[in-house]
Amino acid sequence: MARKENADTANQGRLKQIALTYKMTRRVDSKVGLVVAGVGIVVFGVLLAIGFLIGHPVYAGILGFLLAFLAMAIIFGRRAEKAAFGQMEGQPGAAAAVLENIGRGWSVTPAVAMNRNQDVVHRAVGKPGIVLVGEGNPNRLRGLLAAEKKRMARTAADAPVHDFVVGDGEGQIPLKKLRTTLLKLPRTLTGPQVTATNDRLKALGDLMSNMPVPKGPMPKGMRMPKGGRMR
């Protein structure tokens, strides 16, 4: 009985999540409902027509229903993802949000470096090695990325270091292609090497752990010191 109640609760949670995702997607993509429904009708209609032609409309109809549902789910997922990226694009921390959802096998540390203009560098460690992702002004990010690459080379010289800048300019990676780009990188490290590299980097700390936090209220007019890193 308890298992059934847990299953019902989980199903209700999934339905609420789907409904919420649909509402969020529809705010950006007003035609998502029509497109998804149209795909389902077309797929089902084609399979059903084939069923009548070969003399097995019932079997073809069942197969058409299943394939139509699958096609609708795929199209809805892609349009929802596109809408989500559209809402995140240009927002501070958007790249970190993508990195944190990249999948298993990756360890992500947001904001390992930042300057007073709020240009920021995030770090991800996986089988392709160390990946540094910059958000902000490309010209200012060059110095931040170069400093981080030197720092990574001193700490984890055996791991390759890749760096990217998120944006739509020349030589930059669009936010919606960031996850795919990282997953296509050649895998050069084994699982134990990834763990060892990540442990060494964690020993360095990151921007937040290295930042001195004064006791009491934050002084008025306090600004980030010059340079790319707060210690």
Protein backbone atom coordinates (compact mmCIF):
# COMPACT_ATOMS: atom_id res chain seq x y z
CA MET A 1 0.00 0.00 0.00
CA ALA A 2 2.84 2.34 0.91
CA ARG A 3 4.58 1.57 -2.39
CA LYS A 4 1.43 2.43 -4.32
CA GLU A 5 1.08 5.74 -2.46
CA ASN A 6 4.74 6.57 -3.15
CA ALA A 7 4.27 5.74 -6.84
CA ASP A 8 1.15 7.91 -7.04
CA THR A 9 3.01 10.78 -5.36
CA ALA A 10 5.92 10.42 -7.79
CA ASN A 11 3.56 10.39 -10.78
CA GLN A 12 1.79 13.50 -9.53
CA GLY A 13 5.16 15.18 -9.08
CA ARG A 14 6.16 14.35 -12.67
CA LEU A 15 2.86 15.64 -14.03
CA LYS A 16 3.26 18.90 -12.10
CA GLN A 17 6.80 19.24 -13.40
CA ILE A 18 5.65 18.67 -17.00
CA ALA A 19 2.85 21.20 -16.57
CA LEU A 20 5.25 23.75 -15.10
CA THR A 21 7.74 23.16 -17.91
CA TYR A 22 4.98 23.62 -20.48
CA LYS A 23 3.85 26.91 -18.92
CA MET A 24 7.41 28.24 -18.84
CA THR A 25 8.03 27.17 -22.42
CA ARG A 26 4.78 28.68 -23.65
CA ARG A 27 5.79 32.08 -22.30
CA VAL A 28 8.68 32.10 -24.75
CA ASP A 29 7.32 29.79 -27.46
CA SER A 30 3.59 30.45 -27.87
CA LYS A 31 3.26 27.82 -30.64
CA VAL A 32 4.74 24.93 -28.68
CA GLY A 33 1.32 23.32 -28.04
CA LEU A 34 0.26 23.47 -31.69
CA VAL A 35 3.60 22.17 -32.94
CA VAL A 36 3.72 19.25 -30.51
CA ALA A 37 0.10 18.30 -31.18
CA GLY A 38 0.63 18.60 -34.95
CA VAL A 39 3.63 16.27 -34.82
CA GLY A 40 1.63 13.70 -32.87
CA ILE A 41 -1.33 13.83 -35.26
CA VAL A 42 0.87 13.52 -38.35
CA VAL A 43 2.85 10.57 -37.02
CA PHE A 44 -0.27 8.75 -35.84
CA GLY A 45 -2.10 9.47 -39.11
CA VAL A 46 0.75 8.20 -41.27
CA LEU A 47 1.09 4.94 -39.30
CA LEU A 48 -2.67 4.41 -39.31
CA ALA A 49 -2.84 4.96 -43.09
CA ILE A 50 -0.05 2.44 -43.57
CA GLY A 51 -2.01 0.03 -41.38
CA PHE A 52 -5.08 0.28 -43.63
CA LEU A 53 -2.93 -0.25 -46.70
CA ILE A 54 -1.39 -3.45 -45.34
CA GLY A 55 -4.62 -4.65 -43.77
CA HIS A 56 -3.63 -4.29 -40.09
CA PRO A 57 -5.07 -0.96 -38.94
CA VAL A 58 -5.33 -2.00 -35.27
CA TYR A 59 -1.70 -2.99 -34.89
CA ALA A 60 -0.52 0.00 -36.90
CA GLY A 61 -2.75 2.26 -34.83
CA ILE A 62 -1.23 1.02 -31.57
CA LEU A 63 2.29 1.43 -32.99
CA GLY A 64 1.35 4.84 -34.36
CA PHE A 65 0.08 5.97 -30.96
CA LEU A 66 3.33 4.92 -29.26
CA LEU A 67 5.53 6.52 -31.92
CA ALA A 68 3.39 9.68 -31.90
CA PHE A 69 3.80 9.96 -28.13
CA LEU A 70 7.56 9.48 -28.45
CA ALA A 71 7.83 12.08 -31.22
CA MET A 72 5.78 14.57 -29.20
CA ALA A 73 8.01 14.05 -26.16
CA ILE A 74 11.17 14.60 -28.22
CA ILE A 75 9.88 17.76 -29.91
CA PHE A 76 8.55 19.16 -26.65
CA GLY A 77 11.87 18.47 -24.91
CA ARG A 78 13.87 20.23 -27.61
CA ARG A 79 11.62 23.30 -27.69
CA ALA A 80 11.57 23.46 -23.89
CA GLU A 81 15.37 23.29 -23.81
CA LYS A 82 15.61 26.00 -26.46
CA ALA A 83 13.21 28.22 -24.51
CA ALA A 84 15.16 27.66 -21.30
CA PHE A 85 18.44 28.64 -22.97
CA GLY A 86 16.73 31.68 -24.46
CA GLN A 87 15.67 32.84 -21.00
CA MET A 88 19.09 32.16 -19.44
CA GLU A 89 21.17 33.69 -22.22
CA GLY A 90 22.78 36.92 -21.13
CA GLN A 91 22.00 36.32 -17.46
CA PRO A 92 24.91 36.18 -14.95
CA GLY A 93 25.72 32.60 -14.00
CA ALA A 94 23.95 31.06 -17.01
CA ALA A 95 27.06 29.08 -18.02
CA ALA A 96 27.45 27.76 -14.47
CA ALA A 97 23.84 26.53 -14.56
CA VAL A 98 24.54 24.65 -17.81
CA LEU A 99 27.76 23.14 -16.44
CA GLU A 100 26.07 21.94 -13.25
CA ASN A 101 23.59 20.00 -15.37
CA ILE A 102 26.15 18.52 -17.76
CA GLY A 103 25.71 15.02 -16.35
CA ARG A 104 27.57 12.35 -14.42
CA GLY A 105 31.34 12.11 -14.46
CA TRP A 106 31.91 15.85 -14.16
CA SER A 107 32.80 17.95 -11.12
CA VAL A 108 31.87 21.62 -11.49
CA THR A 109 33.13 24.57 -9.45
CA PRO A 110 31.43 27.87 -10.31
CA ALA A 111 33.30 31.17 -10.08
CA VAL A 112 36.90 30.07 -9.57
CA ALA A 113 37.98 33.53 -10.72
CA MET A 114 36.28 36.90 -11.05
CA ASN A 115 37.24 40.53 -11.54
CA ARG A 116 35.62 43.73 -10.33
CA ASN A 117 33.68 44.00 -13.62
CA GLN A 118 32.00 40.69 -12.73
CA ASP A 119 33.60 38.75 -15.56
CA VAL A 120 33.77 35.23 -14.19
CA VAL A 121 35.47 31.91 -14.91
CA HIS A 122 33.93 28.54 -14.00
CA ARG A 123 35.76 25.20 -13.84
CA ALA A 124 34.64 21.70 -14.79
CA VAL A 125 36.74 18.56 -14.39
CA GLY A 126 35.99 15.37 -16.31
CA LYS A 127 37.60 12.74 -18.51
CA PRO A 128 38.50 15.35 -21.17
CA GLY A 129 40.56 17.12 -18.47
CA ILE A 130 40.07 20.57 -16.98
CA VAL A 131 37.62 22.91 -18.72
CA LEU A 132 37.57 26.62 -17.95
CA VAL A 133 34.48 28.53 -19.11
CA GLY A 134 34.41 32.32 -19.08
CA GLU A 135 31.37 34.59 -18.94
CA GLY A 136 31.61 38.31 -19.59
CA ASN A 137 33.69 40.61 -21.75
CA PRO A 138 35.96 38.49 -24.02
CA ASN A 139 38.84 40.97 -23.86
CA ARG A 140 38.87 41.09 -20.08
CA LEU A 141 38.41 37.32 -19.83
CA ARG A 142 41.67 36.65 -21.65
CA GLY A 143 43.69 37.66 -18.61
CA LEU A 144 41.50 35.71 -16.20
CA LEU A 145 41.64 32.55 -18.31
CA ALA A 146 45.40 32.85 -18.86
CA ALA A 147 46.00 33.22 -15.13
CA GLU A 148 43.79 30.22 -14.34
CA LYS A 149 45.49 28.06 -16.98
CA LYS A 150 48.90 28.82 -15.45
CA ARG A 151 47.49 28.00 -12.02
CA MET A 152 46.04 24.71 -13.28
CA ALA A 153 49.33 23.81 -15.01
CA ARG A 154 51.23 24.16 -11.74
CA THR A 155 48.74 22.03 -9.83
CA ALA A 156 47.64 19.42 -12.39
CA ALA A 157 50.25 19.43 -15.14
CA ASP A 158 49.24 15.95 -16.35
CA ALA A 159 45.68 17.02 -17.18
CA PRO A 160 44.88 18.89 -20.41
CA VAL A 161 43.27 22.31 -19.95
CA HIS A 162 40.58 23.58 -22.32
CA ASP A 163 39.15 27.09 -22.19
CA PHE A 164 36.02 28.56 -23.74
CA VAL A 165 34.22 31.89 -23.67
CA VAL A 166 30.42 31.85 -23.77
CA GLY A 167 28.87 34.22 -26.27
CA ASP A 168 27.75 34.72 -29.86
CA GLY A 169 30.90 36.42 -31.16
CA GLU A 170 33.70 35.00 -33.25
CA GLY A 171 35.58 32.22 -31.48
CA GLN A 172 32.96 32.01 -28.74
CA ILE A 173 30.58 29.18 -27.80
CA PRO A 174 26.82 29.89 -27.74
CA LEU A 175 25.25 28.98 -24.42
CA LYS A 176 22.95 26.40 -26.03
CA LYS A 177 25.97 24.57 -27.50
CA LEU A 178 28.14 24.62 -24.38
CA ARG A 179 27.07 21.24 -23.00
CA THR A 180 27.36 19.53 -26.39
CA THR A 181 30.80 21.03 -26.97
CA LEU A 182 32.13 19.73 -23.66
CA LEU A 183 30.67 16.26 -24.20
CA LYS A 184 32.40 16.04 -27.60
CA LEU A 185 35.85 16.73 -26.18
CA PRO A 186 38.26 13.77 -26.47
CA ARG A 187 38.52 11.73 -23.29
CA THR A 188 42.12 11.56 -22.15
CA LEU A 189 41.83 10.83 -18.41
CA THR A 190 40.68 7.70 -16.61
CA GLY A 191 38.24 7.74 -13.71
CA PRO A 192 40.98 7.58 -11.02
CA GLN A 193 42.92 10.36 -12.79
CA VAL A 194 39.83 12.56 -12.82
CA THR A 195 39.37 12.00 -9.08
CA ALA A 196 43.03 12.73 -8.33
CA THR A 197 42.99 15.89 -10.47
CA ASN A 198 39.80 17.11 -8.86
CA ASP A 199 41.19 16.50 -5.36
CA ARG A 200 44.31 18.53 -6.13
CA LEU A 201 42.24 21.39 -7.49
CA LYS A 202 39.90 21.32 -4.50
CA ALA A 203 42.92 21.74 -2.24
CA LEU A 204 43.50 25.11 -3.93
CA GLY A 205 40.05 26.27 -2.98
CA ASP A 206 37.95 28.55 -5.14
CA LEU A 207 36.93 32.17 -5.19
CA MET A 208 34.27 31.82 -2.50
CA SER A 209 36.34 29.68 -0.13
CA ASN A 210 39.38 31.96 -0.53
CA MET A 211 37.38 35.12 -0.01
CA PRO A 212 37.90 36.67 3.44
CA VAL A 213 34.53 37.22 5.06
CA PRO A 214 34.58 39.95 7.73
CA LYS A 215 32.56 39.51 10.86
CA GLY A 216 29.55 41.74 11.28
CA PRO A 217 27.83 43.78 8.57
CA MET A 218 29.59 44.43 5.26
CA PRO A 219 31.26 47.85 5.28
CA LYS A 220 29.56 50.39 3.06
CA GLY A 221 31.31 51.20 -0.19
CA MET A 222 33.45 48.05 -0.07
CA ARG A 223 34.82 47.17 -3.51
CA MET A 224 36.66 44.22 -4.95
CA PRO A 225 40.42 44.88 -5.01
CA LYS A 226 42.25 45.20 -8.29
CA GLY A 227 43.37 41.96 -9.86
CA GLY A 228 41.49 38.88 -10.86
CA ARG A 229 41.38 37.06 -7.52
CA MET A 230 40.34 37.76 -3.98
CA ARG A 231 42.36 36.08 -1.25
